[in-house]
Amino acid sequence: MSRWTGDGGRVSAFVTIMVVALLLVTGLVIDGGLALGVKVRAIGVAEEAARTGAQHIDLAVYRDTGQIQLRADEATSAARTYLATAGMSGTVTVAGNQVTVTVNGSQRTQLLGMIGIHKLAVTASASAEPRYGVDGPER
């Protein structure tokens, strides 16, 4: 009867390293997917908030001159109200006739917290501006 000796615990070290690596990859997939979901929502909210702000044109100027001009204070207020209603935070800027909304969010991690990453930051930005009527016939 011979004894098998000489592995010296190498298999257990290999298994430990592989399990940790597998957990990290799983964490990247799960937490990355959750962060992607938050990003998609943030993009949608930013787009809608920008469109909401871009609807606030100065009707008196439009009726007198035919030119579209945003009422910057109303556009900013409307976009911020939309952000608050959607439960997101961000910034709103109006430059000329363009409303730009940047949404900031975060996603708490499920598995990456084991290596010290507890939140993933998410940022999305969108712009909108008013347009004159329809650009052409629908085809």
C-alpha atoms as a PDB file:
ATOM      1  CA  MET A   1       0.000   0.000   0.000  1.00  0.00           C
ATOM      2  CA  SER A   2       1.601   3.246  -1.089  1.00  0.00           C
ATOM      3  CA  ARG A   3       0.773   6.689   0.183  1.00  0.00           C
ATOM      4  CA  TRP A   4       0.208   9.474  -2.194  1.00  0.00           C
ATOM      5  CA  THR A   5       2.099  12.531  -1.024  1.00  0.00           C
ATOM      6  CA  GLY A   6       3.445  15.622  -2.591  1.00  0.00           C
ATOM      7  CA  ASP A   7       0.462  17.772  -3.540  1.00  0.00           C
ATOM      8  CA  GLY A   8       1.195  20.051  -0.586  1.00  0.00           C
ATOM      9  CA  GLY A   9      -2.242  21.749  -0.651  1.00  0.00           C
ATOM     10  CA  ARG A  10      -1.875  23.060  -4.190  1.00  0.00           C
ATOM     11  CA  VAL A  11      -5.327  21.870  -5.207  1.00  0.00           C
ATOM     12  CA  SER A  12      -6.994  23.724  -2.324  1.00  0.00           C
ATOM     13  CA  ALA A  13      -5.197  26.974  -3.242  1.00  0.00           C
ATOM     14  CA  PHE A  14      -6.260  26.583  -6.867  1.00  0.00           C
ATOM     15  CA  VAL A  15      -9.889  25.938  -5.901  1.00  0.00           C
ATOM     16  CA  THR A  16      -9.887  28.953  -3.559  1.00  0.00           C
ATOM     17  CA  ILE A  17      -8.515  31.259  -6.257  1.00  0.00           C
ATOM     18  CA  MET A  18     -10.975  29.952  -8.835  1.00  0.00           C
ATOM     19  CA  VAL A  19     -13.960  30.393  -6.493  1.00  0.00           C
ATOM     20  CA  VAL A  20     -12.948  33.995  -5.744  1.00  0.00           C
ATOM     21  CA  ALA A  21     -12.467  34.696  -9.459  1.00  0.00           C
ATOM     22  CA  LEU A  22     -15.852  33.165 -10.259  1.00  0.00           C
ATOM     23  CA  LEU A  23     -17.523  35.287  -7.582  1.00  0.00           C
ATOM     24  CA  LEU A  24     -15.901  38.442  -8.987  1.00  0.00           C
ATOM     25  CA  VAL A  25     -17.025  37.666 -12.518  1.00  0.00           C
ATOM     26  CA  THR A  26     -20.521  36.884 -11.249  1.00  0.00           C
ATOM     27  CA  GLY A  27     -20.493  40.178  -9.342  1.00  0.00           C
ATOM     28  CA  LEU A  28     -19.506  42.074 -12.469  1.00  0.00           C
ATOM     29  CA  VAL A  29     -22.310  40.477 -14.450  1.00  0.00           C
ATOM     30  CA  ILE A  30     -25.024  40.932 -11.807  1.00  0.00           C
ATOM     31  CA  ASP A  31     -24.009  44.386 -10.583  1.00  0.00           C
ATOM     32  CA  GLY A  32     -23.187  45.568 -14.091  1.00  0.00           C
ATOM     33  CA  GLY A  33     -26.620  44.487 -15.268  1.00  0.00           C
ATOM     34  CA  LEU A  34     -28.321  46.292 -12.402  1.00  0.00           C
ATOM     35  CA  ALA A  35     -26.301  49.444 -13.128  1.00  0.00           C
ATOM     36  CA  LEU A  36     -27.230  49.180 -16.811  1.00  0.00           C
ATOM     37  CA  GLY A  37     -30.896  49.095 -15.834  1.00  0.00           C
ATOM     38  CA  VAL A  38     -30.470  52.272 -13.782  1.00  0.00           C
ATOM     39  CA  LYS A  39     -28.606  53.878 -16.708  1.00  0.00           C
ATOM     40  CA  VAL A  40     -31.447  53.087 -19.131  1.00  0.00           C
ATOM     41  CA  ARG A  41     -33.968  54.594 -16.709  1.00  0.00           C
ATOM     42  CA  ALA A  42     -31.766  57.678 -16.207  1.00  0.00           C
ATOM     43  CA  ILE A  43     -31.515  58.192 -19.979  1.00  0.00           C
ATOM     44  CA  GLY A  44     -35.301  57.995 -20.307  1.00  0.00           C
ATOM     45  CA  VAL A  45     -35.853  60.449 -17.465  1.00  0.00           C
ATOM     46  CA  ALA A  46     -33.244  62.873 -18.869  1.00  0.00           C
ATOM     47  CA  GLU A  47     -34.858  62.760 -22.322  1.00  0.00           C
ATOM     48  CA  GLU A  48     -38.367  63.316 -20.961  1.00  0.00           C
ATOM     49  CA  ALA A  49     -37.255  66.134 -18.652  1.00  0.00           C
ATOM     50  CA  ALA A  50     -35.485  67.881 -21.539  1.00  0.00           C
ATOM     51  CA  ARG A  51     -38.563  67.530 -23.772  1.00  0.00           C
ATOM     52  CA  THR A  52     -40.764  68.841 -20.966  1.00  0.00           C
ATOM     53  CA  GLY A  53     -38.574  71.914 -20.612  1.00  0.00           C
ATOM     54  CA  ALA A  54     -38.407  72.490 -24.378  1.00  0.00           C
ATOM     55  CA  GLN A  55     -42.186  72.885 -24.522  1.00  0.00           C
ATOM     56  CA  HIS A  56     -42.059  76.232 -22.691  1.00  0.00           C
ATOM     57  CA  ILE A  57     -41.761  78.678 -25.555  1.00  0.00           C
ATOM     58  CA  ASP A  58     -42.531  82.379 -25.356  1.00  0.00           C
ATOM     59  CA  LEU A  59     -45.840  82.520 -27.223  1.00  0.00           C
ATOM     60  CA  ALA A  60     -45.899  86.330 -27.445  1.00  0.00           C
ATOM     61  CA  VAL A  61     -42.544  86.378 -29.268  1.00  0.00           C
ATOM     62  CA  TYR A  62     -43.640  83.522 -31.522  1.00  0.00           C
ATOM     63  CA  ARG A  63     -46.907  85.237 -32.464  1.00  0.00           C
ATOM     64  CA  ASP A  64     -45.221  88.592 -33.094  1.00  0.00           C
ATOM     65  CA  THR A  65     -42.109  87.439 -34.975  1.00  0.00           C
ATOM     66  CA  GLY A  66     -42.614  83.770 -35.858  1.00  0.00           C
ATOM     67  CA  GLN A  67     -39.390  82.949 -34.005  1.00  0.00           C
ATOM     68  CA  ILE A  68     -39.247  80.278 -31.349  1.00  0.00           C
ATOM     69  CA  GLN A  69     -37.712  81.440 -28.100  1.00  0.00           C
ATOM     70  CA  LEU A  70     -37.707  79.492 -24.865  1.00  0.00           C
ATOM     71  CA  ARG A  71     -38.731  80.986 -21.572  1.00  0.00           C
ATOM     72  CA  ALA A  72     -35.587  79.838 -19.774  1.00  0.00           C
ATOM     73  CA  ASP A  73     -36.926  80.127 -16.237  1.00  0.00           C
ATOM     74  CA  GLU A  74     -40.095  78.169 -17.016  1.00  0.00           C
ATOM     75  CA  ALA A  75     -38.194  75.563 -19.036  1.00  0.00           C
ATOM     76  CA  THR A  76     -35.720  75.036 -16.200  1.00  0.00           C
ATOM     77  CA  SER A  77     -38.471  74.829 -13.602  1.00  0.00           C
ATOM     78  CA  ALA A  78     -40.518  72.342 -15.651  1.00  0.00           C
ATOM     79  CA  ALA A  79     -37.514  70.073 -16.258  1.00  0.00           C
ATOM     80  CA  ARG A  80     -36.556  70.159 -12.559  1.00  0.00           C
ATOM     81  CA  THR A  81     -40.133  69.371 -11.560  1.00  0.00           C
ATOM     82  CA  TYR A  82     -40.113  66.376 -13.909  1.00  0.00           C
ATOM     83  CA  LEU A  83     -36.854  65.144 -12.378  1.00  0.00           C
ATOM     84  CA  ALA A  84     -38.270  65.460  -8.867  1.00  0.00           C
ATOM     85  CA  THR A  85     -41.485  63.687  -9.866  1.00  0.00           C
ATOM     86  CA  ALA A  86     -39.438  60.833 -11.364  1.00  0.00           C
ATOM     87  CA  GLY A  87     -37.427  60.576  -8.134  1.00  0.00           C
ATOM     88  CA  MET A  88     -34.103  61.411  -9.800  1.00  0.00           C
ATOM     89  CA  SER A  89     -31.588  64.180  -9.171  1.00  0.00           C
ATOM     90  CA  GLY A  90     -29.649  66.137 -11.726  1.00  0.00           C
ATOM     91  CA  THR A  91     -28.932  69.462 -13.345  1.00  0.00           C
ATOM     92  CA  VAL A  92     -30.813  71.473 -15.941  1.00  0.00           C
ATOM     93  CA  THR A  93     -29.282  74.087 -18.211  1.00  0.00           C
ATOM     94  CA  VAL A  94     -30.896  76.206 -20.885  1.00  0.00           C
ATOM     95  CA  ALA A  95     -28.662  77.689 -23.586  1.00  0.00           C
ATOM     96  CA  GLY A  96     -30.511  79.517 -26.315  1.00  0.00           C
ATOM     97  CA  ASN A  97     -33.339  77.220 -27.326  1.00  0.00           C
ATOM     98  CA  GLN A  98     -31.723  74.038 -26.071  1.00  0.00           C
ATOM     99  CA  VAL A  99     -32.585  72.390 -22.760  1.00  0.00           C
ATOM    100  CA  THR A 100     -29.941  69.982 -21.465  1.00  0.00           C
ATOM    101  CA  VAL A 101     -30.640  67.681 -18.537  1.00  0.00           C
ATOM    102  CA  THR A 102     -28.012  65.598 -16.770  1.00  0.00           C
ATOM    103  CA  VAL A 103     -29.283  62.915 -14.399  1.00  0.00           C
ATOM    104  CA  ASN A 104     -27.115  61.454 -11.643  1.00  0.00           C
ATOM    105  CA  GLY A 105     -27.923  58.166  -9.997  1.00  0.00           C
ATOM    106  CA  SER A 106     -26.317  55.195  -8.325  1.00  0.00           C
ATOM    107  CA  GLN A 107     -26.863  51.491  -7.876  1.00  0.00           C
ATOM    108  CA  ARG A 108     -25.952  49.629  -4.707  1.00  0.00           C
ATOM    109  CA  THR A 109     -23.917  46.558  -5.517  1.00  0.00           C
ATOM    110  CA  GLN A 110     -24.935  43.039  -4.558  1.00  0.00           C
ATOM    111  CA  LEU A 111     -21.679  41.089  -4.866  1.00  0.00           C
ATOM    112  CA  LEU A 112     -18.954  43.642  -5.586  1.00  0.00           C
ATOM    113  CA  GLY A 113     -19.311  44.897  -2.020  1.00  0.00           C
ATOM    114  CA  MET A 114     -17.073  41.970  -1.064  1.00  0.00           C
ATOM    115  CA  ILE A 115     -14.145  43.803  -2.659  1.00  0.00           C
ATOM    116  CA  GLY A 116     -15.093  47.251  -1.370  1.00  0.00           C
ATOM    117  CA  ILE A 117     -17.230  48.538  -4.258  1.00  0.00           C
ATOM    118  CA  HIS A 118     -20.553  49.382  -2.624  1.00  0.00           C
ATOM    119  CA  LYS A 119     -22.100  51.723  -5.226  1.00  0.00           C
ATOM    120  CA  LEU A 120     -21.839  52.198  -8.962  1.00  0.00           C
ATOM    121  CA  ALA A 121     -22.377  55.775 -10.172  1.00  0.00           C
ATOM    122  CA  VAL A 122     -24.586  56.338 -13.201  1.00  0.00           C
ATOM    123  CA  THR A 123     -24.876  59.524 -15.261  1.00  0.00           C
ATOM    124  CA  ALA A 124     -27.074  60.226 -18.272  1.00  0.00           C
ATOM    125  CA  SER A 125     -27.560  63.362 -20.320  1.00  0.00           C
ATOM    126  CA  ALA A 126     -30.072  64.455 -22.949  1.00  0.00           C
ATOM    127  CA  SER A 127     -30.933  67.633 -24.835  1.00  0.00           C
ATOM    128  CA  ALA A 128     -34.067  68.877 -26.567  1.00  0.00           C
ATOM    129  CA  GLU A 129     -35.136  71.960 -28.411  1.00  0.00           C
ATOM    130  CA  PRO A 130     -38.459  73.103 -29.836  1.00  0.00           C
ATOM    131  CA  ARG A 131     -39.104  72.636 -33.559  1.00  0.00           C
ATOM    132  CA  TYR A 132     -41.402  74.305 -36.038  1.00  0.00           C
ATOM    133  CA  GLY A 133     -44.309  72.011 -36.875  1.00  0.00           C
ATOM    134  CA  VAL A 134     -43.853  69.018 -39.113  1.00  0.00           C
ATOM    135  CA  ASP A 135     -40.759  68.793 -41.299  1.00  0.00           C
ATOM    136  CA  GLY A 136     -42.562  67.197 -44.222  1.00  0.00           C
ATOM    137  CA  PRO A 137     -45.312  64.836 -45.297  1.00  0.00           C
ATOM    138  CA  GLU A 138     -45.520  61.508 -43.600  1.00  0.00           C
ATOM    139  CA  ARG A 139     -44.615  58.625 -45.897  1.00  0.00           C
END
